[in-house]
Protein backbone atom coordinates (compact mmCIF):
# COMPACT_ATOMS: atom_id res chain seq x y z
CA MET A 1 -1.95 12.92 -3.18
CA SER A 2 -1.76 10.10 -0.62
CA TRP A 3 -4.17 7.17 -0.57
CA SER A 4 -5.24 8.09 2.98
CA TRP A 5 -6.32 11.54 1.79
CA ILE A 6 -8.23 10.04 -1.15
CA SER A 7 -9.99 7.64 1.22
CA PHE A 8 -10.85 10.50 3.55
CA CYS A 9 -12.33 12.53 0.69
CA TRP A 10 -14.34 9.54 -0.50
CA LEU A 11 -15.75 8.97 2.98
CA CYS A 12 -16.67 12.65 3.27
CA ALA A 13 -18.45 12.52 -0.08
CA THR A 14 -20.31 9.36 0.94
CA ALA A 15 -21.41 10.95 4.20
CA ALA A 16 -22.47 14.14 2.41
CA TYR A 17 -24.73 12.26 0.01
CA GLY A 18 -25.90 9.66 2.53
CA GLY A 19 -29.65 9.36 3.06
CA LYS A 20 -31.75 8.90 6.14
CA VAL A 21 -33.73 5.68 6.36
CA LEU A 22 -36.49 4.86 8.84
CA VAL A 23 -36.84 1.10 9.42
CA PHE A 24 -39.93 -0.63 10.83
CA PRO A 25 -38.82 -4.29 11.03
CA LEU A 26 -40.35 -7.61 12.07
CA ASP A 27 -38.55 -9.51 14.83
CA GLY A 28 -37.21 -13.08 14.85
CA SER A 29 -35.72 -14.61 11.72
CA HIS A 30 -37.06 -11.70 9.65
CA TRP A 31 -34.75 -9.37 11.56
CA VAL A 32 -31.75 -11.58 10.71
CA ASN A 33 -32.01 -10.66 7.03
CA MET A 34 -33.20 -7.07 7.61
CA LYS A 35 -30.07 -6.50 9.70
CA VAL A 36 -27.88 -7.42 6.70
CA ILE A 37 -29.43 -4.61 4.64
CA ILE A 38 -29.18 -2.13 7.52
CA GLU A 39 -25.48 -2.84 8.04
CA GLU A 40 -24.71 -2.48 4.33
CA LEU A 41 -26.65 0.79 4.03
CA HIS A 42 -24.81 2.09 7.10
CA SER A 43 -21.47 1.15 5.51
CA ARG A 44 -22.44 3.32 2.52
CA GLY A 45 -22.91 6.37 4.72
CA HIS A 46 -26.67 6.25 5.26
CA GLN A 47 -28.16 7.07 8.66
CA MET A 48 -30.39 4.27 9.90
CA THR A 49 -33.12 4.56 12.53
CA VAL A 50 -34.95 1.44 13.70
CA ILE A 51 -38.35 1.45 15.42
CA ARG A 52 -38.55 -1.38 17.99
CA HIS A 53 -40.74 -2.49 20.89
CA ASN A 54 -39.63 -2.84 24.50
CA ASP A 55 -40.05 -6.64 24.28
CA SER A 56 -37.99 -6.97 21.09
CA TRP A 57 -36.27 -10.32 20.89
CA TYR A 58 -33.49 -9.96 18.31
CA ILE A 59 -33.65 -6.20 17.69
CA LYS A 60 -31.23 -4.65 20.18
CA GLU A 61 -31.70 -1.14 21.53
CA THR A 62 -28.07 -0.16 20.97
CA SER A 63 -26.07 -0.86 17.83
CA PRO A 64 -23.14 0.69 15.97
CA PHE A 65 -25.20 0.46 12.75
CA TYR A 66 -28.39 2.28 13.73
CA THR A 67 -30.07 4.43 16.32
CA SER A 68 -33.27 3.06 17.79
CA VAL A 69 -36.65 4.43 18.75
CA THR A 70 -38.04 2.11 21.43
CA LEU A 71 -41.81 2.07 21.80
CA ASP A 72 -43.01 1.60 25.36
CA MET A 73 -45.32 -1.27 24.46
CA GLU A 74 -45.21 -4.97 23.61
CA SER A 75 -45.19 -6.15 20.03
CA GLY A 76 -46.79 -9.52 20.72
CA PHE A 77 -43.82 -11.08 18.92
CA GLY A 78 -41.52 -11.56 21.90
CA GLU A 79 -39.47 -14.67 22.66
CA ASP A 80 -41.88 -16.07 25.26
CA PHE A 81 -44.91 -15.63 23.02
CA ILE A 82 -43.25 -17.22 19.97
CA GLY A 83 -41.78 -20.05 22.07
CA SER A 84 -45.15 -21.07 23.49
CA PHE A 85 -46.84 -20.59 20.11
CA VAL A 86 -44.40 -22.90 18.33
CA ALA A 87 -44.59 -25.50 21.12
CA ASP A 88 -48.40 -25.54 20.87
CA LEU A 89 -48.30 -25.94 17.08
CA LEU A 90 -45.84 -28.83 17.35
CA GLU A 91 -47.99 -30.59 19.95
CA ILE A 92 -51.14 -30.28 17.85
CA GLN A 93 -49.42 -31.61 14.73
CA ARG A 94 -47.98 -34.58 16.60
CA GLY A 95 -51.55 -35.54 17.49
CA GLY A 96 -52.08 -36.90 14.00
CA LYS A 97 -53.28 -35.88 10.55
CA SER A 98 -57.02 -36.12 11.18
CA ALA A 99 -59.45 -33.41 10.10
CA TRP A 100 -59.88 -32.51 13.78
CA SER A 101 -56.13 -32.00 14.20
CA ARG A 102 -56.06 -29.82 11.10
CA PHE A 103 -58.98 -27.77 12.44
CA LYS A 104 -57.28 -27.34 15.81
CA LEU A 105 -54.07 -26.26 14.06
CA GLU A 106 -55.90 -23.64 11.99
CA MET A 107 -57.77 -22.35 15.05
CA GLU A 108 -54.57 -22.11 17.11
CA GLN A 109 -52.74 -20.26 14.35
CA SER A 110 -55.69 -17.94 13.75
CA GLY A 111 -55.99 -17.16 17.46
CA LYS A 112 -52.31 -16.29 17.85
CA ILE A 113 -52.25 -14.27 14.64
CA CYS A 114 -55.25 -12.31 15.89
CA GLU A 115 -53.32 -11.53 19.09
CA ILE A 116 -50.41 -10.18 17.04
CA HIS A 117 -52.68 -8.01 14.91
CA LEU A 118 -54.53 -6.69 17.95
CA LYS A 119 -51.23 -5.49 19.41
CA ALA A 120 -50.07 -4.19 16.01
CA SER A 121 -53.22 -2.06 15.62
CA THR A 122 -52.82 -0.81 19.20
CA THR A 123 -49.20 0.09 18.45
CA LEU A 124 -50.25 2.13 15.42
CA GLU A 125 -52.92 3.98 17.39
CA ILE A 126 -50.42 4.86 20.13
CA ILE A 127 -47.84 6.03 17.55
CA PHE A 128 -50.34 8.23 15.73
CA GLU A 129 -51.60 9.71 19.00
CA ASN A 130 -48.05 10.47 20.20
CA LYS A 131 -47.68 13.90 18.61
CA GLU A 132 -44.17 14.40 20.01
CA LEU A 133 -42.96 11.17 18.43
CA ILE A 134 -44.59 11.98 15.07
CA GLN A 135 -43.14 15.49 15.14
CA SER A 136 -39.63 14.22 15.90
CA ILE A 137 -39.86 11.73 13.00
CA GLN A 138 -41.11 14.44 10.65
CA GLU A 139 -38.37 16.84 11.72
CA ALA A 140 -35.73 14.16 11.01
CA ARG A 141 -36.72 14.37 7.30
CA TYR A 142 -36.25 10.74 6.38
CA ASP A 143 -35.77 9.83 2.73
CA LEU A 144 -37.73 6.59 2.83
CA MET A 145 -39.33 3.92 4.98
CA LEU A 146 -37.85 0.40 4.81
CA THR A 147 -40.17 -2.19 6.32
CA ASP A 148 -41.11 -5.85 6.42
CA PRO A 149 -44.84 -5.95 5.54
CA GLY A 150 -45.39 -9.13 7.55
CA VAL A 151 -46.86 -6.60 9.99
CA PRO A 152 -48.51 -3.42 8.65
CA GLY A 153 -46.96 -0.89 11.04
CA GLY A 154 -44.34 0.41 8.63
CA VAL A 155 -46.80 0.47 5.72
CA LEU A 156 -49.37 2.66 7.45
CA LEU A 157 -46.76 4.85 9.13
CA ALA A 158 -45.05 5.52 5.79
CA HIS A 159 -48.34 6.63 4.25
CA TYR A 160 -49.08 8.81 7.28
CA LEU A 161 -45.66 10.46 6.97
CA LYS A 162 -45.86 10.53 3.13
CA LEU A 163 -42.51 8.73 2.79
CA PRO A 164 -41.40 6.61 -0.19
CA LEU A 165 -41.95 2.98 0.80
CA VAL A 166 -39.63 0.00 0.22
CA PHE A 167 -40.48 -3.56 1.26
CA ASN A 168 -38.06 -6.27 2.36
CA VAL A 169 -40.64 -8.92 1.67
CA ARG A 170 -41.62 -12.51 1.26
CA TRP A 171 -44.92 -12.29 3.17
CA THR A 172 -47.50 -9.63 3.81
CA THR A 173 -50.40 -9.76 6.24
CA GLN A 174 -52.42 -11.05 3.27
CA GLY A 175 -50.14 -13.98 2.44
CA GLU A 176 -47.29 -14.53 -0.03
CA GLY A 177 -46.17 -11.16 -1.37
CA HIS A 178 -46.78 -11.73 -5.09
CA PHE A 179 -50.49 -12.24 -4.50
CA SER A 180 -50.75 -8.62 -3.31
CA ILE A 181 -48.93 -7.01 -6.24
CA ALA A 182 -48.69 -9.26 -9.32
CA PRO A 183 -51.13 -11.25 -11.49
CA SER A 184 -51.40 -14.69 -9.90
CA PRO A 185 -53.24 -17.29 -12.03
CA LEU A 186 -54.32 -20.10 -9.72
CA SER A 187 -53.99 -22.64 -12.53
CA TYR A 188 -50.22 -22.82 -12.10
CA ILE A 189 -49.35 -20.70 -9.04
CA PRO A 190 -49.84 -22.71 -5.84
CA LEU A 191 -50.78 -21.04 -2.58
CA THR A 192 -48.55 -21.42 0.44
CA GLY A 193 -49.80 -24.26 2.61
CA THR A 194 -51.07 -26.39 -0.26
CA GLU A 195 -47.72 -28.15 -0.79
CA LEU A 196 -48.43 -28.08 -4.52
CA SER A 197 -46.06 -27.40 -7.39
CA ASP A 198 -46.67 -25.41 -10.57
CA LYS A 199 -47.79 -28.63 -12.31
CA MET A 200 -51.22 -29.30 -10.81
CA THR A 201 -53.87 -31.87 -11.69
CA PHE A 202 -57.51 -30.83 -12.03
CA PHE A 203 -58.38 -31.72 -8.44
CA GLN A 204 -55.24 -30.00 -7.15
CA ARG A 205 -56.37 -26.85 -8.95
CA VAL A 206 -59.75 -27.21 -7.27
CA VAL A 207 -58.00 -27.38 -3.89
CA ASN A 208 -55.83 -24.39 -4.80
CA VAL A 209 -58.89 -22.28 -5.67
CA LEU A 210 -60.75 -23.30 -2.51
CA ILE A 211 -57.79 -22.46 -0.28
CA PHE A 212 -57.40 -19.12 -2.06
CA ALA A 213 -61.05 -18.32 -1.34
CA PHE A 214 -60.66 -19.41 2.28
CA SER A 215 -57.54 -17.25 2.72
CA LYS A 216 -59.42 -14.23 1.34
CA TYR A 217 -62.25 -14.93 3.80
CA GLN A 218 -59.78 -15.21 6.70
CA PHE A 219 -58.13 -11.93 5.80
CA ALA A 220 -61.41 -10.05 5.37
CA HIS A 221 -62.92 -11.32 8.64
CA TYR A 222 -59.98 -11.91 10.97
CA ILE A 223 -57.21 -9.44 10.01
CA ALA A 224 -58.51 -6.36 8.16
CA PRO A 225 -61.11 -5.48 10.86
CA TYR A 226 -58.32 -4.80 13.38
CA TYR A 227 -57.20 -1.81 11.30
CA THR A 228 -60.58 -0.41 10.24
CA ALA A 229 -60.82 2.10 13.10
CA VAL A 230 -57.19 3.24 12.67
CA LEU A 231 -57.68 3.79 8.94
CA GLU A 232 -60.93 5.71 9.31
CA LYS A 233 -59.57 7.90 12.09
CA HIS A 234 -56.19 8.79 10.61
CA PHE A 235 -56.64 8.32 6.84
CA GLY A 236 -60.32 8.96 6.20
CA PRO A 237 -63.30 6.75 5.37
CA ASP A 238 -62.10 6.00 1.82
CA ALA A 239 -58.73 4.56 2.90
CA ASP A 240 -58.22 0.98 1.75
CA TYR A 241 -55.91 -1.34 3.69
CA SER A 242 -54.81 -3.51 0.74
CA SER A 243 -54.21 -0.52 -1.54
CA MET A 244 -51.65 0.86 0.91
CA PHE A 245 -49.52 -2.24 0.35
CA GLN A 246 -49.95 -2.11 -3.43
CA ALA A 247 -48.86 1.54 -3.42
CA ALA A 248 -45.34 0.67 -2.19
CA ASP A 249 -42.62 2.02 -4.46
CA LEU A 250 -40.41 -1.06 -4.38
CA TRP A 251 -40.81 -4.72 -3.43
CA LEU A 252 -37.48 -6.39 -2.61
CA MET A 253 -38.44 -10.08 -2.82
CA ARG A 254 -36.38 -12.53 -0.79
CA VAL A 255 -36.55 -15.23 -3.50
CA ASP A 256 -35.33 -15.78 -7.02
CA PHE A 257 -36.51 -18.03 -9.82
CA VAL A 258 -33.89 -20.67 -9.14
CA PHE A 259 -35.91 -21.31 -5.96
CA GLU A 260 -39.39 -19.99 -6.76
CA PHE A 261 -41.71 -21.38 -9.44
CA PRO A 262 -41.90 -19.14 -12.56
CA ARG A 263 -44.78 -16.66 -12.40
CA PRO A 264 -45.86 -13.20 -13.63
CA THR A 265 -44.27 -10.26 -11.88
CA MET A 266 -44.24 -6.43 -11.94
CA PRO A 267 -41.65 -3.71 -12.78
CA ASN A 268 -41.28 -2.59 -9.15
CA VAL A 269 -40.57 -6.12 -7.87
CA VAL A 270 -36.81 -6.73 -7.49
CA TYR A 271 -35.54 -10.22 -6.68
CA MET A 272 -32.77 -10.58 -4.10
CA GLY A 273 -32.99 -14.24 -3.11
CA GLY A 274 -29.91 -15.27 -1.15
CA PHE A 275 -28.81 -11.67 -0.53
CA GLN A 276 -27.75 -12.59 3.01
CA CYS A 277 -25.43 -15.35 1.75
CA LYS A 278 -21.70 -14.79 1.48
CA PRO A 279 -18.50 -16.79 0.98
CA ALA A 280 -17.58 -18.91 3.98
CA LYS A 281 -15.09 -17.59 6.52
CA PRO A 282 -12.64 -19.83 8.43
CA LEU A 283 -14.28 -21.79 11.25
CA PRO A 284 -13.39 -21.33 14.91
CA ALA A 285 -10.48 -23.61 15.86
CA HIS A 286 -12.55 -26.13 17.85
CA LEU A 287 -15.08 -26.54 15.01
CA GLU A 288 -12.40 -26.80 12.34
CA GLU A 289 -10.68 -29.53 14.36
CA PHE A 290 -13.96 -31.44 14.73
CA VAL A 291 -14.77 -31.09 11.01
CA GLN A 292 -11.30 -32.25 9.94
CA SER A 293 -11.60 -35.29 12.22
CA SER A 294 -14.43 -36.58 9.98
CA GLY A 295 -11.94 -37.82 7.40
CA GLU A 296 -13.34 -38.91 4.03
CA HIS A 297 -16.89 -39.31 5.37
CA GLY A 298 -17.49 -35.63 5.94
CA VAL A 299 -19.94 -33.82 8.19
CA VAL A 300 -23.70 -33.47 8.59
CA ILE A 301 -25.02 -30.27 10.18
CA MET A 302 -28.48 -29.78 11.66
CA SER A 303 -30.33 -26.64 12.73
CA LEU A 304 -34.04 -25.93 13.16
CA GLY A 305 -33.70 -22.15 12.97
CA THR A 306 -34.24 -19.27 15.34
CA LEU A 307 -37.73 -20.16 16.57
CA ILE A 308 -37.23 -23.79 17.60
CA ALA A 309 -34.72 -24.29 20.40
CA ASP A 310 -35.61 -27.84 21.44
CA LEU A 311 -37.85 -30.79 20.59
CA PRO A 312 -39.98 -33.33 22.48
CA PHE A 313 -37.73 -35.86 24.24
CA ASP A 314 -38.79 -38.91 22.19
CA LEU A 315 -38.27 -37.07 18.92
CA ALA A 316 -34.83 -35.80 19.98
CA ASP A 317 -33.87 -39.34 21.05
CA SER A 318 -34.85 -40.75 17.63
CA ILE A 319 -32.81 -38.09 15.82
CA ALA A 320 -29.77 -38.61 18.06
CA ALA A 321 -29.95 -42.41 17.69
CA ALA A 322 -30.04 -42.16 13.88
CA PHE A 323 -27.09 -39.75 13.87
CA ALA A 324 -25.11 -42.19 16.04
CA LYS A 325 -25.32 -44.84 13.29
CA LEU A 326 -23.74 -42.62 10.63
CA PRO A 327 -20.04 -42.78 9.70
CA GLN A 328 -20.15 -38.99 9.30
CA LYS A 329 -19.52 -36.52 12.09
CA VAL A 330 -22.56 -34.43 13.09
CA ILE A 331 -22.85 -30.85 14.36
CA TRP A 332 -26.30 -30.25 15.84
CA ARG A 333 -27.56 -26.86 17.02
CA TYR A 334 -29.83 -27.87 19.89
CA LYS A 335 -30.65 -26.25 23.23
CA GLY A 336 -32.83 -28.95 24.78
CA LYS A 337 -31.95 -31.69 27.23
CA ARG A 338 -29.15 -33.92 25.92
CA PRO A 339 -30.70 -37.08 24.39
CA ALA A 340 -29.74 -40.35 26.06
CA THR A 341 -29.07 -41.90 22.62
CA MET A 342 -26.42 -39.33 21.61
CA GLY A 343 -23.44 -40.88 19.81
CA ASN A 344 -19.75 -39.98 20.08
CA ASN A 345 -19.82 -38.67 16.52
CA THR A 346 -22.27 -35.86 17.41
CA LEU A 347 -21.32 -32.41 18.67
CA VAL A 348 -24.20 -30.44 20.20
CA VAL A 349 -23.84 -26.63 20.19
CA ASP A 350 -26.02 -23.69 21.28
CA TRP A 351 -25.00 -21.71 18.21
CA MET A 352 -23.04 -22.38 15.07
CA PRO A 353 -21.75 -20.27 12.15
CA GLN A 354 -24.24 -21.84 9.75
CA ASN A 355 -23.15 -20.00 6.60
CA ASP A 356 -19.47 -20.79 7.22
CA LEU A 357 -20.19 -24.46 7.89
CA LEU A 358 -22.34 -24.79 4.75
CA GLY A 359 -19.45 -23.35 2.76
CA HIS A 360 -16.95 -25.86 4.16
CA PRO A 361 -15.96 -28.57 1.62
CA LYS A 362 -16.40 -31.36 4.18
CA VAL A 363 -20.09 -30.62 4.87
CA LYS A 364 -22.15 -33.19 2.96
CA LEU A 365 -25.71 -32.61 4.17
CA PHE A 366 -27.86 -29.97 5.87
CA VAL A 367 -30.72 -31.21 8.06
CA ALA A 368 -33.03 -28.21 8.28
CA HIS A 369 -36.57 -27.13 9.12
CA GLY A 370 -37.00 -25.32 5.80
CA GLY A 371 -36.89 -21.65 6.78
CA THR A 372 -36.18 -19.31 3.87
CA ASN A 373 -32.81 -18.10 5.19
CA GLY A 374 -31.39 -21.59 5.73
CA VAL A 375 -32.69 -22.94 2.42
CA GLN A 376 -31.15 -20.01 0.55
CA GLU A 377 -27.79 -20.49 2.28
CA ALA A 378 -27.76 -24.21 1.42
CA LEU A 379 -28.65 -23.37 -2.18
CA TYR A 380 -25.89 -20.75 -2.36
CA HIS A 381 -23.24 -23.23 -1.12
CA GLY A 382 -24.63 -26.25 -3.02
CA VAL A 383 -25.36 -28.46 0.01
CA PRO A 384 -28.33 -30.87 -0.32
CA ILE A 385 -31.08 -30.71 2.30
CA LEU A 386 -32.92 -33.29 4.35
CA GLY A 387 -35.95 -31.32 5.46
CA LEU A 388 -37.94 -31.67 8.68
CA PRO A 389 -40.66 -29.03 8.14
CA LEU A 390 -42.44 -27.95 11.28
CA ILE A 391 -44.61 -24.84 10.85
CA PHE A 392 -45.60 -21.91 8.61
CA ASP A 393 -44.15 -21.96 5.06
CA GLN A 394 -41.46 -24.55 5.69
CA ARG A 395 -43.16 -27.46 3.87
CA ASP A 396 -43.63 -25.34 0.75
CA ASN A 397 -40.02 -24.11 0.83
CA LEU A 398 -38.75 -27.68 1.02
CA LEU A 399 -41.14 -28.80 -1.70
CA ARG A 400 -39.43 -26.36 -4.08
CA ILE A 401 -36.09 -28.00 -3.29
CA GLU A 402 -37.50 -31.53 -3.47
CA VAL A 403 -39.14 -31.14 -6.91
CA ARG A 404 -35.78 -29.99 -8.25
CA GLY A 405 -34.11 -33.13 -6.92
CA ALA A 406 -31.86 -31.21 -4.52
CA GLY A 407 -33.25 -32.56 -1.27
CA LYS A 408 -35.85 -34.67 0.46
CA LYS A 409 -38.40 -33.89 3.15
CA ILE A 410 -39.66 -36.13 5.93
CA ASP A 411 -42.81 -35.75 7.99
CA ILE A 412 -41.30 -35.14 11.41
CA PHE A 413 -44.59 -35.91 13.14
CA THR A 414 -44.70 -39.54 11.94
CA MET A 415 -40.93 -39.96 11.84
CA ASN A 416 -39.04 -42.55 13.90
CA GLU A 417 -35.37 -43.51 14.08
CA ASP A 418 -35.51 -45.86 11.08
CA ILE A 419 -37.32 -43.40 8.82
CA PHE A 420 -34.90 -40.61 9.71
CA LEU A 421 -31.84 -42.85 9.23
CA LYS A 422 -33.08 -44.01 5.80
CA GLY A 423 -33.63 -40.39 4.78
CA LEU A 424 -30.11 -39.45 5.88
CA GLN A 425 -28.55 -42.37 4.05
CA GLU A 426 -30.54 -41.72 0.86
CA VAL A 427 -29.47 -38.09 0.51
CA LEU A 428 -25.89 -38.82 1.61
CA ASN A 429 -25.35 -41.82 -0.64
CA ASP A 430 -27.26 -40.79 -3.78
CA PRO A 431 -24.95 -38.37 -5.67
CA SER A 432 -27.86 -36.90 -7.67
CA TYR A 433 -29.02 -34.81 -4.70
CA ARG A 434 -25.66 -33.07 -4.40
CA MET A 435 -25.27 -32.71 -8.17
CA ASN A 436 -28.71 -31.11 -8.49
CA MET A 437 -28.11 -28.70 -5.61
CA GLN A 438 -24.75 -27.68 -7.03
CA ARG A 439 -26.40 -27.05 -10.39
CA LEU A 440 -28.94 -24.79 -8.65
CA SER A 441 -26.05 -23.06 -6.88
CA ARG A 442 -24.33 -22.33 -10.19
CA LEU A 443 -27.57 -20.91 -11.61
CA HIS A 444 -28.12 -18.80 -8.52
CA ARG A 445 -24.62 -17.32 -8.58
CA ASP A 446 -24.62 -16.63 -12.34
CA GLN A 447 -25.96 -13.06 -12.13
CA PRO A 448 -24.62 -9.70 -13.37
CA MET A 449 -24.81 -8.28 -9.82
CA LYS A 450 -24.85 -9.84 -6.38
CA PRO A 451 -28.39 -9.89 -4.94
CA LEU A 452 -27.40 -7.62 -2.05
CA ASP A 453 -25.83 -5.07 -4.40
CA THR A 454 -29.00 -5.15 -6.51
CA ALA A 455 -31.13 -4.49 -3.43
CA LEU A 456 -28.92 -1.63 -2.28
CA PHE A 457 -28.90 -0.05 -5.74
CA TRP A 458 -32.70 0.05 -5.86
CA ILE A 459 -33.06 1.36 -2.30
CA GLU A 460 -30.69 4.19 -3.17
CA PHE A 461 -32.55 4.67 -6.48
CA VAL A 462 -35.76 5.33 -4.53
CA MET A 463 -33.90 7.77 -2.28
CA ARG A 464 -32.38 9.66 -5.22
CA HIS A 465 -35.68 10.00 -7.07
CA LYS A 466 -37.99 10.41 -4.08
CA GLY A 467 -39.89 7.28 -5.01
CA ALA A 468 -40.42 5.04 -8.02
CA ALA A 469 -43.96 5.84 -9.12
CA HIS A 470 -43.07 5.19 -12.78
CA LEU A 471 -42.59 1.49 -11.96
CA ARG A 472 -45.82 1.16 -10.00
CA THR A 473 -49.04 0.02 -11.64
CA GLU A 474 -52.10 2.16 -10.97
CA SER A 475 -54.32 -0.90 -10.59
CA TYR A 476 -54.58 -0.39 -6.84
CA ARG A 477 -56.50 2.85 -7.45
CA LEU A 478 -59.21 1.05 -9.42
CA PRO A 479 -62.38 -0.21 -7.75
CA TRP A 480 -62.75 -3.98 -7.88
CA TYR A 481 -65.36 -3.89 -10.66
CA SER A 482 -62.98 -1.87 -12.86
CA PHE A 483 -59.95 -4.00 -11.98
CA TYR A 484 -61.73 -7.18 -13.08
CA SER A 485 -63.43 -5.34 -15.99
CA VAL A 486 -66.86 -6.23 -14.62
CA ASP A 487 -68.19 -2.83 -15.73
CA VAL A 488 -66.78 -3.35 -19.24
CA ILE A 489 -68.28 -6.85 -19.46
CA ILE A 490 -71.66 -5.54 -18.29
CA PHE A 491 -71.47 -2.72 -20.84
CA LEU A 492 -70.56 -5.07 -23.71
CA VAL A 493 -73.23 -7.57 -22.69
CA GLY A 494 -75.69 -4.67 -22.52
CA VAL A 495 -74.69 -3.51 -26.01
CA VAL A 496 -75.11 -7.03 -27.39
CA LEU A 497 -78.50 -7.39 -25.68
CA LEU A 498 -79.57 -3.97 -27.01
CA VAL A 499 -78.56 -4.92 -30.54
CA LEU A 500 -80.34 -8.27 -30.24
CA CYS A 501 -83.45 -6.65 -28.78
CA THR A 502 -83.41 -3.98 -31.50
CA PHE A 503 -83.02 -6.64 -34.18
CA ALA A 504 -85.77 -8.72 -32.61
CA GLY A 505 -88.02 -5.63 -32.46
CA LEU A 506 -87.38 -4.81 -36.10
CA LEU A 507 -87.99 -8.41 -37.11
CA LYS A 508 -91.26 -8.39 -35.18
CA CYS A 509 -92.33 -5.15 -36.87
CA LEU A 510 -91.52 -6.55 -40.33
CA CYS A 511 -93.45 -9.70 -39.57
CA SER A 512 -96.42 -7.62 -38.38
CA MET A 513 -96.35 -5.50 -41.55
CA CYS A 514 -96.20 -8.59 -43.73
CA LEU A 515 -99.17 -10.13 -41.92
CA ARG A 516 -101.21 -6.94 -42.30
CA LYS A 517 -100.51 -6.78 -46.07
CA LYS A 518 -101.44 -10.41 -46.45
CA ARG A 519 -104.75 -9.84 -44.68
CA LYS A 520 -105.53 -6.86 -46.96
CA CYS A 521 -104.78 -8.95 -50.03
CA ASP A 522 -107.09 -11.70 -48.74
């Protein structure tokens, strides 16, 4: 039998057993890693359908890897919205570190997040009211819903359709994913935004607890109310928003414990940190020529991710001037106006093959904003990081690299040319940064299965078994007083009080009897 015939039979078998997956993604950088999973599932013979909005930024309507269902509405997460949002956050943070600036930052973020959730709740209402759309989805007989729970659309839709639910997750609408599913002692698990490690002083633990309480208040008063009407109308008055997240069959976490601080976890949490990373491919000819021209000094690359295309002029000038003083060559992904201080050693590009550059032996340093995807790629290839955190979780991501001695972060809002140059020289010239990052890389790669293969196995596991209820704790079904054993504590305290009261009553009776006998004797 020829190899071509064997291959044909294998492909037929794959197609015959391929599942049907409905995907409700989140746009921007989140789509970059979701797309990796979609393409791999498609290559295994699964049929992929992606729900997108008409203002989708990265999620294209046509693709060889999936068919799309385009909703005739805005997501609130389009390029223009995100661009203005990020610009506003940068401007506020450059105003200083005063309490007023911090308050303005929180208010700006809260206002924009509320806009996103308002549109997300409207989207859900329109989907549920569109009976033709719901019927077409039901008739397609999907095997599971794959979603990013940074927005709740996929979560609620999966429950409405009664589909097994798989998360591609780092964040939920309630914060970092573990806090929604796993025990999270605040004594050694820092909240995102605190910039704390797992070794906290007493006062740091106080701060951690206060921020946890504040985040719970924010969720209860500024996020959950947007979905109250949708839940009551389509799921009944007893439906609980948070429980719908906890009821997910599988949580594919985009971290691992080489990067994340050790913490309790659950059986249905699967770690796939760095799943989007892969061995470097050859560079395009013009980039390879530029990289080779660096000689023994090597190359520095800089990228601030998908959300930040340019920077304020003075900040860009300071960065360019510092780069110009390095003996290394520099490749800088930057779409803003060309800085006047740009040196001959710096190549500015609109786009660069970041993974392939990080895997090139001549790349010595990665200047990054601290997004999860970029940090994981640098960790995979063993390239130390000089971090310029800007917004969201970036400071905390870079803190995890810094405490392991594999990088250094600089406050970009107080940074000038000298500070940036000293940071570059420190990480480039101190070999410990590179040694520590390469040690982390070895730990990360030393696994029985590649993270992507692990993720795909578990997605297909859920498809084969129509869910993974045996891995899911039933805690989400308990009322809060049962979950925290308040009822048990009250019962035990009541029993103790009853025993004490009974004993006290008996003692009082005995004393009374003794007094009566004594009086009779007298």
